[in-house]
N, C-alpha and C. Protein backbone atom coordinates (compact mmCIF):
# COMPACT_ATOMS: atom_id res chain seq x y z
N MET A 1 2.93 -2.42 -0.66
CA MET A 1 2.97 -3.12 -2.01
C MET A 1 3.91 -2.56 -2.83
N ASN A 2 4.78 -3.25 -3.55
CA ASN A 2 5.43 -2.54 -4.61
C ASN A 2 4.75 -2.21 -5.47
N PRO A 3 5.20 -0.74 -6.09
CA PRO A 3 4.68 0.09 -6.98
C PRO A 3 4.40 -0.49 -8.40
N LEU A 4 5.61 -1.39 -8.75
CA LEU A 4 5.51 -2.21 -10.13
C LEU A 4 4.33 -2.94 -10.17
N ILE A 5 4.03 -3.92 -9.01
CA ILE A 5 3.03 -4.71 -9.10
C ILE A 5 1.57 -3.95 -9.02
N LEU A 6 1.61 -3.06 -8.19
CA LEU A 6 0.28 -2.16 -8.04
C LEU A 6 -0.15 -1.53 -9.06
N HIS A 7 0.77 -0.63 -9.84
CA HIS A 7 0.47 0.32 -10.87
C HIS A 7 0.67 -0.37 -12.03
N LEU A 8 1.30 -1.63 -12.41
CA LEU A 8 1.50 -2.14 -13.73
C LEU A 8 0.86 -3.51 -13.69
N MET A 9 0.99 -4.28 -12.95
CA MET A 9 0.53 -5.82 -13.13
C MET A 9 -0.75 -5.75 -12.72
N LEU A 10 -1.32 -5.09 -11.76
CA LEU A 10 -2.68 -5.16 -11.50
C LEU A 10 -3.66 -4.67 -12.59
N PRO A 11 -3.37 -3.30 -13.05
CA PRO A 11 -3.96 -2.68 -14.23
C PRO A 11 -4.10 -3.39 -15.41
N SER A 12 -2.94 -4.24 -15.47
CA SER A 12 -2.78 -4.87 -16.84
C SER A 12 -3.63 -6.31 -17.08
N ILE A 13 -4.42 -6.37 -15.96
CA ILE A 13 -5.20 -7.77 -15.93
C ILE A 13 -6.43 -7.45 -16.99
N LEU A 14 -7.14 -6.24 -16.55
CA LEU A 14 -8.19 -5.84 -17.39
C LEU A 14 -7.97 -5.77 -19.12
N PRO A 15 -6.84 -5.28 -19.69
CA PRO A 15 -6.75 -5.28 -20.85
C PRO A 15 -6.51 -6.85 -21.38
N ALA A 16 -6.00 -7.51 -20.85
CA ALA A 16 -5.45 -9.13 -20.86
C ALA A 16 -6.90 -10.00 -20.99
N LEU A 17 -7.61 -9.49 -19.90
CA LEU A 17 -9.18 -10.22 -19.88
C LEU A 17 -10.03 -9.90 -21.14
N PHE A 18 -9.83 -8.52 -21.23
CA PHE A 18 -10.77 -7.90 -22.50
C PHE A 18 -10.19 -8.75 -23.80
N PHE A 19 -9.11 -8.63 -23.84
CA PHE A 19 -8.56 -9.29 -25.43
C PHE A 19 -8.64 -10.76 -25.37
N LEU A 20 -8.83 -11.53 -24.05
CA LEU A 20 -9.06 -12.81 -23.98
C LEU A 20 -10.60 -13.04 -24.46
N VAL A 21 -11.33 -12.15 -23.78
CA VAL A 21 -12.78 -12.35 -24.30
C VAL A 21 -13.12 -12.09 -25.65
N VAL A 22 -12.50 -10.93 -26.21
CA VAL A 22 -12.64 -10.57 -27.66
C VAL A 22 -12.05 -11.76 -28.63
N SER A 23 -11.13 -12.46 -28.03
CA SER A 23 -10.39 -13.32 -29.10
C SER A 23 -11.05 -14.83 -29.06
N THR A 24 -12.10 -15.12 -28.26
CA THR A 24 -12.76 -16.18 -27.93
C THR A 24 -13.61 -16.35 -29.18
N PRO A 25 -13.76 -17.45 -29.68
CA PRO A 25 -14.94 -17.79 -30.83
C PRO A 25 -16.34 -17.64 -30.39
N VAL A 26 -17.08 -17.00 -31.31
CA VAL A 26 -18.52 -16.82 -31.05
C VAL A 26 -19.33 -17.96 -30.58
N GLU A 27 -18.62 -19.02 -30.94
CA GLU A 27 -19.59 -20.54 -30.61
C GLU A 27 -19.39 -20.93 -29.14
N VAL A 28 -18.40 -20.20 -28.42
CA VAL A 28 -18.07 -20.39 -27.25
C VAL A 28 -19.06 -19.86 -26.12
N LEU A 29 -19.10 -18.18 -26.27
CA LEU A 29 -19.70 -17.63 -25.45
C LEU A 29 -21.07 -17.08 -26.10
N GLY A 30 -21.14 -16.89 -27.13
CA GLY A 30 -22.47 -16.42 -27.89
C GLY A 30 -22.01 -14.96 -28.25
N CYS A 31 -22.61 -14.41 -29.50
CA CYS A 31 -22.29 -12.91 -29.87
C CYS A 31 -22.77 -11.84 -28.85
N PHE A 32 -23.65 -11.81 -28.16
CA PHE A 32 -24.65 -11.11 -27.47
C PHE A 32 -23.79 -11.22 -26.05
N THR A 33 -23.35 -12.44 -25.59
CA THR A 33 -22.63 -12.53 -24.21
C THR A 33 -21.50 -12.15 -24.06
N ARG A 34 -20.59 -12.27 -25.32
CA ARG A 34 -19.26 -11.74 -25.43
C ARG A 34 -19.21 -10.29 -25.76
N GLY A 35 -20.20 -9.54 -26.15
CA GLY A 35 -20.32 -8.18 -26.46
C GLY A 35 -20.54 -7.73 -25.08
N LEU A 36 -21.49 -8.48 -24.23
CA LEU A 36 -21.84 -7.56 -22.98
C LEU A 36 -20.53 -7.67 -21.92
N ILE A 37 -20.02 -8.70 -22.03
CA ILE A 37 -18.85 -8.87 -21.24
C ILE A 37 -17.54 -7.95 -21.77
N ALA A 38 -17.55 -7.77 -22.89
CA ALA A 38 -16.34 -6.87 -23.40
C ALA A 38 -16.91 -5.55 -22.85
N LEU A 39 -18.27 -5.35 -22.95
CA LEU A 39 -18.48 -3.85 -22.59
C LEU A 39 -18.53 -3.56 -20.88
N LEU A 40 -18.74 -4.60 -20.34
CA LEU A 40 -18.70 -4.74 -18.72
C LEU A 40 -17.14 -4.32 -18.48
N ILE A 41 -16.25 -5.11 -19.09
CA ILE A 41 -14.84 -5.18 -18.98
C ILE A 41 -14.30 -3.70 -19.05
N ALA A 42 -14.58 -2.96 -20.38
CA ALA A 42 -14.26 -1.72 -20.80
C ALA A 42 -15.07 -0.80 -19.57
N PHE A 43 -16.23 -0.69 -19.15
CA PHE A 43 -16.85 0.21 -18.26
C PHE A 43 -16.12 0.15 -16.88
N ILE A 44 -15.47 -1.05 -16.60
CA ILE A 44 -14.94 -1.19 -15.33
C ILE A 44 -13.53 -0.56 -15.58
N GLY A 45 -12.91 -0.83 -16.65
CA GLY A 45 -11.50 0.04 -17.13
C GLY A 45 -11.76 1.45 -16.83
N VAL A 46 -12.83 2.08 -17.67
CA VAL A 46 -12.99 3.41 -17.63
C VAL A 46 -13.43 3.87 -16.02
N LEU A 47 -14.06 3.38 -15.06
CA LEU A 47 -14.16 3.72 -13.92
C LEU A 47 -12.91 3.55 -13.29
N GLY A 48 -12.01 2.55 -13.45
CA GLY A 48 -10.81 2.40 -12.86
C GLY A 48 -10.12 3.44 -13.13
N GLY A 49 -9.85 3.93 -14.35
CA GLY A 49 -8.88 4.86 -15.00
C GLY A 49 -9.56 6.31 -14.43
N LEU A 50 -10.81 6.58 -14.17
CA LEU A 50 -11.10 7.72 -13.60
C LEU A 50 -10.73 7.71 -11.99
N ALA A 51 -10.82 6.67 -11.37
CA ALA A 51 -10.32 6.56 -9.92
C ALA A 51 -8.82 6.75 -9.97
N ALA A 52 -8.10 6.22 -10.72
CA ALA A 52 -6.68 6.25 -10.78
C ALA A 52 -6.21 7.66 -11.21
N THR A 53 -6.91 8.39 -11.99
CA THR A 53 -6.88 9.89 -12.31
C THR A 53 -6.91 10.75 -11.24
N ILE A 54 -7.93 10.54 -10.63
CA ILE A 54 -8.09 11.21 -9.37
C ILE A 54 -7.26 11.10 -8.30
N MET A 55 -6.71 9.95 -8.10
CA MET A 55 -5.64 9.70 -7.25
C MET A 55 -4.32 10.21 -7.45
N GLY A 56 -4.23 10.07 -8.88
CA GLY A 56 -2.80 11.10 -9.20
C GLY A 56 -3.02 12.44 -9.06
N LEU A 57 -4.15 12.96 -9.18
CA LEU A 57 -4.47 14.45 -9.13
C LEU A 57 -4.25 14.83 -7.75
N LYS A 58 -4.53 13.93 -6.87
CA LYS A 58 -4.57 13.93 -5.18
C LYS A 58 -2.91 14.22 -4.93
N GLU A 59 -2.42 13.03 -5.17
CA GLU A 59 -1.07 12.94 -5.33
C GLU A 59 -0.17 14.28 -5.80
N LYS A 60 -0.35 14.67 -6.82
CA LYS A 60 0.10 15.71 -7.31
C LYS A 60 0.06 17.14 -6.60
N ARG A 61 -1.27 17.19 -6.03
CA ARG A 61 -1.47 18.45 -5.19
C ARG A 61 -0.71 18.34 -3.69
N THR A 62 -0.65 17.03 -3.46
CA THR A 62 0.37 17.14 -2.05
C THR A 62 1.54 16.82 -2.25
N GLY A 63 2.20 16.68 -3.59
CA GLY A 63 3.57 16.50 -3.95
C GLY A 63 4.06 15.19 -3.64
N GLY A 64 3.10 13.94 -3.82
CA GLY A 64 3.62 12.64 -3.55
C GLY A 64 4.23 11.99 -4.53
N PRO A 65 5.23 11.03 -4.12
CA PRO A 65 6.17 10.73 -5.31
C PRO A 65 5.44 9.55 -6.19
N ASN A 66 4.16 9.21 -6.06
CA ASN A 66 3.42 8.18 -6.66
C ASN A 66 2.85 8.73 -7.95
N THR A 67 2.82 10.15 -8.31
CA THR A 67 2.01 10.75 -9.48
C THR A 67 2.17 10.01 -10.52
N ASN A 68 3.30 9.64 -11.30
CA ASN A 68 3.60 9.18 -12.26
C ASN A 68 3.27 7.87 -12.32
N TRP A 69 3.25 6.97 -11.05
CA TRP A 69 2.54 5.75 -11.34
C TRP A 69 1.06 5.58 -11.70
N TRP A 70 0.44 6.64 -10.83
CA TRP A 70 -0.99 6.48 -11.04
C TRP A 70 -1.48 7.12 -12.70
N VAL A 71 -0.64 7.76 -13.12
CA VAL A 71 -0.83 8.24 -14.67
C VAL A 71 -0.82 6.77 -15.32
N VAL A 72 0.29 6.07 -15.11
CA VAL A 72 0.79 4.69 -15.94
C VAL A 72 -0.67 3.96 -15.61
N SER A 73 -1.03 3.62 -14.38
CA SER A 73 -2.38 2.90 -14.08
C SER A 73 -3.70 3.35 -14.92
N ALA A 74 -3.96 4.67 -14.93
CA ALA A 74 -5.12 5.10 -15.56
C ALA A 74 -4.66 4.87 -17.29
N LEU A 75 -3.53 4.88 -17.70
CA LEU A 75 -3.48 4.72 -18.98
C LEU A 75 -3.54 2.86 -19.52
N PHE A 76 -3.22 2.32 -18.49
CA PHE A 76 -3.40 0.61 -18.67
C PHE A 76 -4.83 0.62 -18.43
N LEU A 77 -5.53 1.17 -17.79
CA LEU A 77 -6.90 0.91 -17.64
C LEU A 77 -7.91 1.32 -18.53
N SER A 78 -7.34 2.21 -19.31
CA SER A 78 -8.27 2.78 -20.38
C SER A 78 -8.11 1.91 -22.01
N ILE A 79 -7.23 1.03 -21.95
CA ILE A 79 -6.69 0.38 -23.13
C ILE A 79 -8.02 -0.45 -23.58
N PRO A 80 -8.81 -1.20 -22.53
CA PRO A 80 -10.13 -1.93 -23.08
C PRO A 80 -11.18 -0.88 -23.91
N ALA A 81 -11.19 0.42 -23.23
CA ALA A 81 -12.22 1.21 -23.79
C ALA A 81 -11.67 1.59 -25.19
N VAL A 82 -10.71 2.08 -25.48
CA VAL A 82 -10.23 2.50 -26.58
C VAL A 82 -10.14 1.64 -27.48
N ALA A 83 -9.92 0.22 -27.14
CA ALA A 83 -10.17 -1.07 -27.92
C ALA A 83 -11.50 -1.15 -28.54
N LEU A 84 -12.30 -1.07 -27.65
CA LEU A 84 -13.82 -1.11 -27.78
C LEU A 84 -14.23 -0.36 -28.77
N ILE A 85 -13.97 0.88 -28.89
CA ILE A 85 -14.16 1.80 -29.81
C ILE A 85 -13.76 1.53 -31.31
N PHE A 86 -12.29 1.18 -31.03
CA PHE A 86 -11.56 0.76 -32.41
C PHE A 86 -12.39 -0.60 -33.25
N LEU A 87 -12.31 -1.44 -32.12
CA LEU A 87 -12.96 -2.79 -32.69
C LEU A 87 -14.50 -2.95 -33.15
N ALA A 88 -15.47 -2.03 -32.66
CA ALA A 88 -16.78 -1.95 -32.77
C ALA A 88 -17.49 -1.13 -34.12
């Protein structure tokens, strides 16, 4: 698979989904449900970011060419958690 799609497009789905949930009106989902969904998305992003960081460290140890791509993936996946901290 193309590294651009794998490391930029797929990880950017979580921040887009997070901001979609955050920007929906309270009347649509309710405050509690909206908060739980945003928290779940941020938690998935944190777990994915940790996994991408571990993969990047493994690539760096073996001298693989995709080390920088994994760092970019980890940064994209951490956006929902950082936004949740700032918005809460």
